[in-house]
Structure formats: structure tokens, C-alpha cells
């Protein structure tokens, strides 16, 4: 599975989010490849899923699902929201 995580600057928040998504994937035996990027660079990235904070997610227009995370530090929320996509 290929995931793109997006934040305002393309590092920090999106990198932390990507690490969380990869860790959740590993726990479920799924290899998650990914890239952390900024809001201006996500377009044209080939992926199965885009993950971002709720505020950033509102600004993303994509042909793949966009997963909005309310609390980026809450791994339980991230896992709960991403699990259905990992199981597809």
C-alpha cells in the first residue's frame, strides 16, 4: 500500500504521521510505503491513500480517499481510521 501524508510544510507533522501509519501497517502485517509532502506538492503523487490533519484534509482534492485525522498524536484514532483501508 502506498500512502502520502500531507502537512503545511512537508516535514514534521507529515513525517510523524507517516511513521505512525507505517507502524500500524507493520502491526497488521501490511507493508506501507509512503511519502511525506507539503500541501502544494501532493498532487501528481501516485498513492492509494492520502492522510492529513483535519484542517489540511479539507483543502485536498484527490482521486483517492483522503483520511482526516483530528488528533495527530492519538495513535488509537489513526489506527481506527486507517484500519479499513489497510484491510482492503
Foldseek 3Di string as FASTA:
>chain_A
DEEEEEDAAQDDLSVLLVVLVQVLCVVVVHHYHYGTGYLVPPPPDDGQEYEYAQVSLVVDDDPHYYHHDPDSVDSVRSNVRCVVVSVD
